[in-house]
């Protein structure tokens, strides 16, 4: 029987710098002989990418937003994540359900019991094996985003108190799952973060 692959996710508020380390993580795993699928949420499938455009740019009711997030996730799981894991491949994903907990639960104020019901329904059988949470003060994250000089999506345009609630919810989630979620101080140098991320993966799996 084919051994199931591992599922690694990267989380954090916008501007925390997590995306920089996803490619490096995939390369590390490939150097050790693993086949790797890199993907993202919302998105990851043709349908998911269409939903991503709506979710990042269209204003909608809170519960509509949360439901669409989980709809995109269900498609993502069925079409990409679960088949890859079943083939023995490793999946490295930019955001997963922790992001919904943080943004729609913390930032938007979605009832946690509704979130838990959706999570159980959509992927109660499957959770990440390891999650890196890039933690950074919203003010610093905002400065990083502003320095990029690009158009902002609707979440990035939210006020500082929104991003503070998102960060708090992320840390709450991490405290509830310390074996799975590794909190990274995203204010460190890129080299220091890389060493911590890749060292954690090496110690656990390689």
C-alpha atoms as a PDB file:
ATOM      1  CA  UNK A   1       0.000   0.000   0.000  1.00  0.00           C
ATOM      2  CA  UNK A   2       1.241   3.489  -0.914  1.00  0.00           C
ATOM      3  CA  UNK A   3       2.301   5.469   2.142  1.00  0.00           C
ATOM      4  CA  UNK A   4       0.278   8.667   2.573  1.00  0.00           C
ATOM      5  CA  UNK A   5       2.146  11.893   1.950  1.00  0.00           C
ATOM      6  CA  UNK A   6       2.413  14.768   4.409  1.00  0.00           C
ATOM      7  CA  UNK A   7       0.329  17.936   4.426  1.00  0.00           C
ATOM      8  CA  UNK A   8       2.151  21.152   5.429  1.00  0.00           C
ATOM      9  CA  UNK A   9       0.473  24.571   5.559  1.00  0.00           C
ATOM     10  CA  UNK A  10       1.701  28.137   5.940  1.00  0.00           C
ATOM     11  CA  UNK A  11      -0.407  30.757   7.721  1.00  0.00           C
ATOM     12  CA  UNK A  12      -0.194  34.359   8.890  1.00  0.00           C
ATOM     13  CA  UNK A  13      -1.645  37.815   8.441  1.00  0.00           C
ATOM     14  CA  UNK A  14      -1.124  39.545   5.094  1.00  0.00           C
ATOM     15  CA  UNK A  15       2.407  40.902   4.887  1.00  0.00           C
ATOM     16  CA  UNK A  16       3.936  38.396   7.318  1.00  0.00           C
ATOM     17  CA  UNK A  17       6.205  37.005   4.606  1.00  0.00           C
ATOM     18  CA  UNK A  18       5.168  33.360   4.637  1.00  0.00           C
ATOM     19  CA  UNK A  19       4.991  33.031   0.843  1.00  0.00           C
ATOM     20  CA  UNK A  20       8.738  33.624   0.590  1.00  0.00           C
ATOM     21  CA  UNK A  21       9.426  30.317   2.340  1.00  0.00           C
ATOM     22  CA  UNK A  22       6.977  28.031   0.559  1.00  0.00           C
ATOM     23  CA  UNK A  23       9.192  27.496  -2.490  1.00  0.00           C
ATOM     24  CA  UNK A  24      12.205  26.849  -0.270  1.00  0.00           C
ATOM     25  CA  UNK A  25      10.300  24.259   1.712  1.00  0.00           C
ATOM     26  CA  UNK A  26       9.215  22.467  -1.469  1.00  0.00           C
ATOM     27  CA  UNK A  27      12.802  22.464  -2.733  1.00  0.00           C
ATOM     28  CA  UNK A  28      14.068  21.005   0.559  1.00  0.00           C
ATOM     29  CA  UNK A  29      11.547  18.182   0.352  1.00  0.00           C
ATOM     30  CA  UNK A  30      12.404  17.454  -3.285  1.00  0.00           C
ATOM     31  CA  UNK A  31      16.095  17.282  -2.381  1.00  0.00           C
ATOM     32  CA  UNK A  32      15.151  14.465  -0.014  1.00  0.00           C
ATOM     33  CA  UNK A  33      13.376  12.535  -2.727  1.00  0.00           C
ATOM     34  CA  UNK A  34       9.772  13.597  -2.132  1.00  0.00           C
ATOM     35  CA  UNK A  35       7.319  14.560  -4.850  1.00  0.00           C
ATOM     36  CA  UNK A  36       5.738  17.881  -3.828  1.00  0.00           C
ATOM     37  CA  UNK A  37       2.547  19.705  -4.806  1.00  0.00           C
ATOM     38  CA  UNK A  38       2.509  23.444  -4.022  1.00  0.00           C
ATOM     39  CA  UNK A  39      -0.920  25.040  -3.896  1.00  0.00           C
ATOM     40  CA  UNK A  40      -2.910  27.822  -2.248  1.00  0.00           C
ATOM     41  CA  UNK A  41      -6.219  28.832  -0.715  1.00  0.00           C
ATOM     42  CA  UNK A  42      -8.595  30.123  -1.667  1.00  0.00           C
ATOM     43  CA  UNK A  43      -7.829  28.635  -5.056  1.00  0.00           C
ATOM     44  CA  UNK A  44      -5.823  25.622  -6.118  1.00  0.00           C
ATOM     45  CA  UNK A  45      -8.328  24.455  -8.751  1.00  0.00           C
ATOM     46  CA  UNK A  46      -9.945  26.167 -11.764  1.00  0.00           C
ATOM     47  CA  UNK A  47     -13.177  26.604  -9.810  1.00  0.00           C
ATOM     48  CA  UNK A  48     -11.292  27.627  -6.678  1.00  0.00           C
ATOM     49  CA  UNK A  49      -9.403  30.343  -8.549  1.00  0.00           C
ATOM     50  CA  UNK A  50     -12.696  31.794  -9.821  1.00  0.00           C
ATOM     51  CA  UNK A  51     -14.033  31.793  -6.268  1.00  0.00           C
ATOM     52  CA  UNK A  52     -10.779  33.395  -5.097  1.00  0.00           C
ATOM     53  CA  UNK A  53     -11.417  36.407  -7.335  1.00  0.00           C
ATOM     54  CA  UNK A  54     -14.867  36.837  -5.830  1.00  0.00           C
ATOM     55  CA  UNK A  55     -13.654  36.316  -2.271  1.00  0.00           C
ATOM     56  CA  UNK A  56     -10.768  38.771  -2.520  1.00  0.00           C
ATOM     57  CA  UNK A  57     -12.552  41.534  -4.395  1.00  0.00           C
ATOM     58  CA  UNK A  58     -16.337  41.353  -3.964  1.00  0.00           C
ATOM     59  CA  UNK A  59     -18.165  42.585  -0.896  1.00  0.00           C
ATOM     60  CA  UNK A  60     -20.571  39.993   0.509  1.00  0.00           C
ATOM     61  CA  UNK A  61     -22.310  38.847   3.664  1.00  0.00           C
ATOM     62  CA  UNK A  62     -20.010  37.319   6.285  1.00  0.00           C
ATOM     63  CA  UNK A  63     -21.660  33.908   6.116  1.00  0.00           C
ATOM     64  CA  UNK A  64     -21.611  33.929   2.305  1.00  0.00           C
ATOM     65  CA  UNK A  65     -17.884  34.602   2.496  1.00  0.00           C
ATOM     66  CA  UNK A  66     -17.290  31.752   4.926  1.00  0.00           C
ATOM     67  CA  UNK A  67     -19.413  29.322   2.927  1.00  0.00           C
ATOM     68  CA  UNK A  68     -17.580  30.168  -0.291  1.00  0.00           C
ATOM     69  CA  UNK A  69     -14.252  29.665   1.464  1.00  0.00           C
ATOM     70  CA  UNK A  70     -15.291  26.178   2.494  1.00  0.00           C
ATOM     71  CA  UNK A  71     -16.821  25.450  -0.918  1.00  0.00           C
ATOM     72  CA  UNK A  72     -13.487  26.288  -2.559  1.00  0.00           C
ATOM     73  CA  UNK A  73     -11.737  24.157   0.082  1.00  0.00           C
ATOM     74  CA  UNK A  74     -13.936  21.128  -0.544  1.00  0.00           C
ATOM     75  CA  UNK A  75     -13.152  21.307  -4.279  1.00  0.00           C
ATOM     76  CA  UNK A  76      -9.472  21.780  -3.493  1.00  0.00           C
ATOM     77  CA  UNK A  77      -9.416  18.742  -1.234  1.00  0.00           C
ATOM     78  CA  UNK A  78     -11.272  16.532  -3.699  1.00  0.00           C
ATOM     79  CA  UNK A  79      -9.342  17.568  -6.806  1.00  0.00           C
ATOM     80  CA  UNK A  80      -5.819  18.265  -5.538  1.00  0.00           C
ATOM     81  CA  UNK A  81      -4.958  17.643  -1.890  1.00  0.00           C
ATOM     82  CA  UNK A  82      -6.482  14.244  -1.181  1.00  0.00           C
ATOM     83  CA  UNK A  83      -5.370  12.620  -4.474  1.00  0.00           C
ATOM     84  CA  UNK A  84      -1.826  13.919  -4.023  1.00  0.00           C
ATOM     85  CA  UNK A  85      -1.584  12.621  -0.461  1.00  0.00           C
ATOM     86  CA  UNK A  86      -2.998   9.258  -1.548  1.00  0.00           C
ATOM     87  CA  UNK A  87      -0.251   9.008  -4.193  1.00  0.00           C
ATOM     88  CA  UNK A  88       2.341   9.525  -1.470  1.00  0.00           C
ATOM     89  CA  UNK A  89       3.122  13.081  -2.500  1.00  0.00           C
ATOM     90  CA  UNK A  90       3.667  15.932  -0.048  1.00  0.00           C
ATOM     91  CA  UNK A  91       1.336  18.926  -0.225  1.00  0.00           C
ATOM     92  CA  UNK A  92       2.595  22.391   0.724  1.00  0.00           C
ATOM     93  CA  UNK A  93      -0.290  24.838   0.912  1.00  0.00           C
ATOM     94  CA  UNK A  94      -0.434  28.615   1.334  1.00  0.00           C
ATOM     95  CA  UNK A  95      -3.319  28.883   3.851  1.00  0.00           C
ATOM     96  CA  UNK A  96      -5.989  26.373   4.881  1.00  0.00           C
ATOM     97  CA  UNK A  97      -8.739  26.304   7.515  1.00  0.00           C
ATOM     98  CA  UNK A  98      -6.695  28.156  10.123  1.00  0.00           C
ATOM     99  CA  UNK A  99      -7.016  31.179   7.830  1.00  0.00           C
ATOM    100  CA  UNK A 100     -10.797  30.906   7.828  1.00  0.00           C
ATOM    101  CA  UNK A 101     -10.775  30.673  11.614  1.00  0.00           C
ATOM    102  CA  UNK A 102      -8.597  33.792  11.777  1.00  0.00           C
ATOM    103  CA  UNK A 103     -10.128  35.962   9.051  1.00  0.00           C
ATOM    104  CA  UNK A 104     -13.797  35.005   9.081  1.00  0.00           C
ATOM    105  CA  UNK A 105     -13.871  33.949  12.744  1.00  0.00           C
ATOM    106  CA  UNK A 106     -11.523  36.483  14.314  1.00  0.00           C
ATOM    107  CA  UNK A 107     -11.602  39.325  11.830  1.00  0.00           C
ATOM    108  CA  UNK A 108     -15.237  39.134  10.755  1.00  0.00           C
ATOM    109  CA  UNK A 109     -16.703  37.647  13.946  1.00  0.00           C
ATOM    110  CA  UNK A 110     -18.221  34.438  12.549  1.00  0.00           C
ATOM    111  CA  UNK A 111     -19.807  32.305  15.276  1.00  0.00           C
ATOM    112  CA  UNK A 112     -17.162  29.716  16.210  1.00  0.00           C
ATOM    113  CA  UNK A 113     -19.759  26.934  16.395  1.00  0.00           C
ATOM    114  CA  UNK A 114     -20.654  27.576  12.749  1.00  0.00           C
ATOM    115  CA  UNK A 115     -16.996  27.454  11.792  1.00  0.00           C
ATOM    116  CA  UNK A 116     -16.535  24.174  13.667  1.00  0.00           C
ATOM    117  CA  UNK A 117     -19.553  22.645  11.930  1.00  0.00           C
ATOM    118  CA  UNK A 118     -18.254  23.647   8.499  1.00  0.00           C
ATOM    119  CA  UNK A 119     -14.765  22.402   9.272  1.00  0.00           C
ATOM    120  CA  UNK A 120     -16.075  19.047  10.465  1.00  0.00           C
ATOM    121  CA  UNK A 121     -18.318  18.703   7.418  1.00  0.00           C
ATOM    122  CA  UNK A 122     -15.715  19.649   4.807  1.00  0.00           C
ATOM    123  CA  UNK A 123     -12.561  18.026   6.192  1.00  0.00           C
ATOM    124  CA  UNK A 124     -13.181  16.477   9.581  1.00  0.00           C
ATOM    125  CA  UNK A 125     -11.182  13.482   8.334  1.00  0.00           C
ATOM    126  CA  UNK A 126      -8.128  15.471   7.268  1.00  0.00           C
ATOM    127  CA  UNK A 127      -6.037  18.181   8.902  1.00  0.00           C
ATOM    128  CA  UNK A 128      -2.519  19.435   8.202  1.00  0.00           C
ATOM    129  CA  UNK A 129       0.316  17.426   9.698  1.00  0.00           C
ATOM    130  CA  UNK A 130       2.303  20.601  10.340  1.00  0.00           C
ATOM    131  CA  UNK A 131       1.432  24.292  10.148  1.00  0.00           C
ATOM    132  CA  UNK A 132       3.806  27.254  10.266  1.00  0.00           C
ATOM    133  CA  UNK A 133       2.177  30.393  11.628  1.00  0.00           C
ATOM    134  CA  UNK A 134       4.140  33.513  10.688  1.00  0.00           C
ATOM    135  CA  UNK A 135       3.361  35.949  13.492  1.00  0.00           C
ATOM    136  CA  UNK A 136       3.930  39.662  12.993  1.00  0.00           C
ATOM    137  CA  UNK A 137       2.532  42.905  14.385  1.00  0.00           C
ATOM    138  CA  UNK A 138      -0.107  44.264  11.972  1.00  0.00           C
ATOM    139  CA  UNK A 139       1.604  47.670  11.810  1.00  0.00           C
ATOM    140  CA  UNK A 140       4.815  46.112  10.482  1.00  0.00           C
ATOM    141  CA  UNK A 141       2.893  43.877   8.094  1.00  0.00           C
ATOM    142  CA  UNK A 142       1.058  46.924   6.782  1.00  0.00           C
ATOM    143  CA  UNK A 143       4.323  48.742   6.137  1.00  0.00           C
ATOM    144  CA  UNK A 144       5.610  45.774   4.155  1.00  0.00           C
ATOM    145  CA  UNK A 145       2.470  45.649   2.018  1.00  0.00           C
ATOM    146  CA  UNK A 146       2.555  49.406   1.398  1.00  0.00           C
ATOM    147  CA  UNK A 147       6.179  49.171   0.274  1.00  0.00           C
ATOM    148  CA  UNK A 148       5.172  46.712  -2.465  1.00  0.00           C
ATOM    149  CA  UNK A 149       3.119  49.415  -4.189  1.00  0.00           C
ATOM    150  CA  UNK A 150       0.472  47.047  -5.561  1.00  0.00           C
ATOM    151  CA  UNK A 151      -3.318  47.044  -5.612  1.00  0.00           C
ATOM    152  CA  UNK A 152      -4.757  45.698  -2.370  1.00  0.00           C
ATOM    153  CA  UNK A 153      -7.479  43.092  -2.015  1.00  0.00           C
ATOM    154  CA  UNK A 154     -10.434  43.701   0.289  1.00  0.00           C
ATOM    155  CA  UNK A 155      -8.814  41.990   3.272  1.00  0.00           C
ATOM    156  CA  UNK A 156      -5.597  43.977   2.957  1.00  0.00           C
ATOM    157  CA  UNK A 157      -7.686  47.161   2.856  1.00  0.00           C
ATOM    158  CA  UNK A 158      -9.300  46.438   6.233  1.00  0.00           C
ATOM    159  CA  UNK A 159      -8.565  48.664   9.237  1.00  0.00           C
ATOM    160  CA  UNK A 160      -5.866  47.939  11.792  1.00  0.00           C
ATOM    161  CA  UNK A 161      -8.329  46.577  14.360  1.00  0.00           C
ATOM    162  CA  UNK A 162      -9.436  43.904  11.866  1.00  0.00           C
ATOM    163  CA  UNK A 163      -5.869  42.687  11.394  1.00  0.00           C
ATOM    164  CA  UNK A 164      -5.299  42.751  15.156  1.00  0.00           C
ATOM    165  CA  UNK A 165      -8.306  40.432  15.613  1.00  0.00           C
ATOM    166  CA  UNK A 166      -7.012  38.144  12.860  1.00  0.00           C
ATOM    167  CA  UNK A 167      -3.634  37.912  14.561  1.00  0.00           C
ATOM    168  CA  UNK A 168      -5.245  37.219  17.943  1.00  0.00           C
ATOM    169  CA  UNK A 169      -7.392  34.450  16.451  1.00  0.00           C
ATOM    170  CA  UNK A 170      -4.360  32.863  14.807  1.00  0.00           C
ATOM    171  CA  UNK A 171      -2.515  32.788  18.126  1.00  0.00           C
ATOM    172  CA  UNK A 172      -5.602  31.383  19.831  1.00  0.00           C
ATOM    173  CA  UNK A 173      -5.720  28.608  17.254  1.00  0.00           C
ATOM    174  CA  UNK A 174      -2.005  27.911  17.759  1.00  0.00           C
ATOM    175  CA  UNK A 175      -2.427  27.676  21.530  1.00  0.00           C
ATOM    176  CA  UNK A 176      -5.156  25.077  21.009  1.00  0.00           C
ATOM    177  CA  UNK A 177      -2.978  22.923  18.720  1.00  0.00           C
ATOM    178  CA  UNK A 178       0.646  23.354  19.834  1.00  0.00           C
ATOM    179  CA  UNK A 179       1.797  20.007  18.417  1.00  0.00           C
ATOM    180  CA  UNK A 180       0.624  20.936  14.925  1.00  0.00           C
ATOM    181  CA  UNK A 181       1.163  24.696  14.748  1.00  0.00           C
ATOM    182  CA  UNK A 182       4.690  26.080  14.952  1.00  0.00           C
ATOM    183  CA  UNK A 183       4.684  29.834  15.598  1.00  0.00           C
ATOM    184  CA  UNK A 184       7.416  31.722  13.754  1.00  0.00           C
ATOM    185  CA  UNK A 185       8.528  35.231  14.714  1.00  0.00           C
ATOM    186  CA  UNK A 186       8.138  36.820  11.279  1.00  0.00           C
ATOM    187  CA  UNK A 187      10.098  39.867  12.370  1.00  0.00           C
ATOM    188  CA  UNK A 188      13.360  37.917  12.118  1.00  0.00           C
ATOM    189  CA  UNK A 189      15.652  37.932   9.105  1.00  0.00           C
ATOM    190  CA  UNK A 190      14.740  35.797   6.106  1.00  0.00           C
ATOM    191  CA  UNK A 191      17.748  33.586   6.841  1.00  0.00           C
ATOM    192  CA  UNK A 192      16.719  33.022  10.475  1.00  0.00           C
ATOM    193  CA  UNK A 193      13.165  32.141   9.467  1.00  0.00           C
ATOM    194  CA  UNK A 194      14.385  29.762   6.776  1.00  0.00           C
ATOM    195  CA  UNK A 195      16.598  28.010   9.310  1.00  0.00           C
ATOM    196  CA  UNK A 196      13.705  27.612  11.750  1.00  0.00           C
ATOM    197  CA  UNK A 197      11.236  26.364   9.136  1.00  0.00           C
ATOM    198  CA  UNK A 198      13.573  23.934   7.450  1.00  0.00           C
ATOM    199  CA  UNK A 199      15.055  22.805  10.754  1.00  0.00           C
ATOM    200  CA  UNK A 200      11.605  21.956  12.080  1.00  0.00           C
ATOM    201  CA  UNK A 201      10.765  19.929   8.978  1.00  0.00           C
ATOM    202  CA  UNK A 202      14.107  18.143   9.050  1.00  0.00           C
ATOM    203  CA  UNK A 203      13.768  17.241  12.730  1.00  0.00           C
ATOM    204  CA  UNK A 204      10.253  15.868  12.276  1.00  0.00           C
ATOM    205  CA  UNK A 205      10.380  14.143   8.938  1.00  0.00           C
ATOM    206  CA  UNK A 206      13.738  14.023   7.159  1.00  0.00           C
END
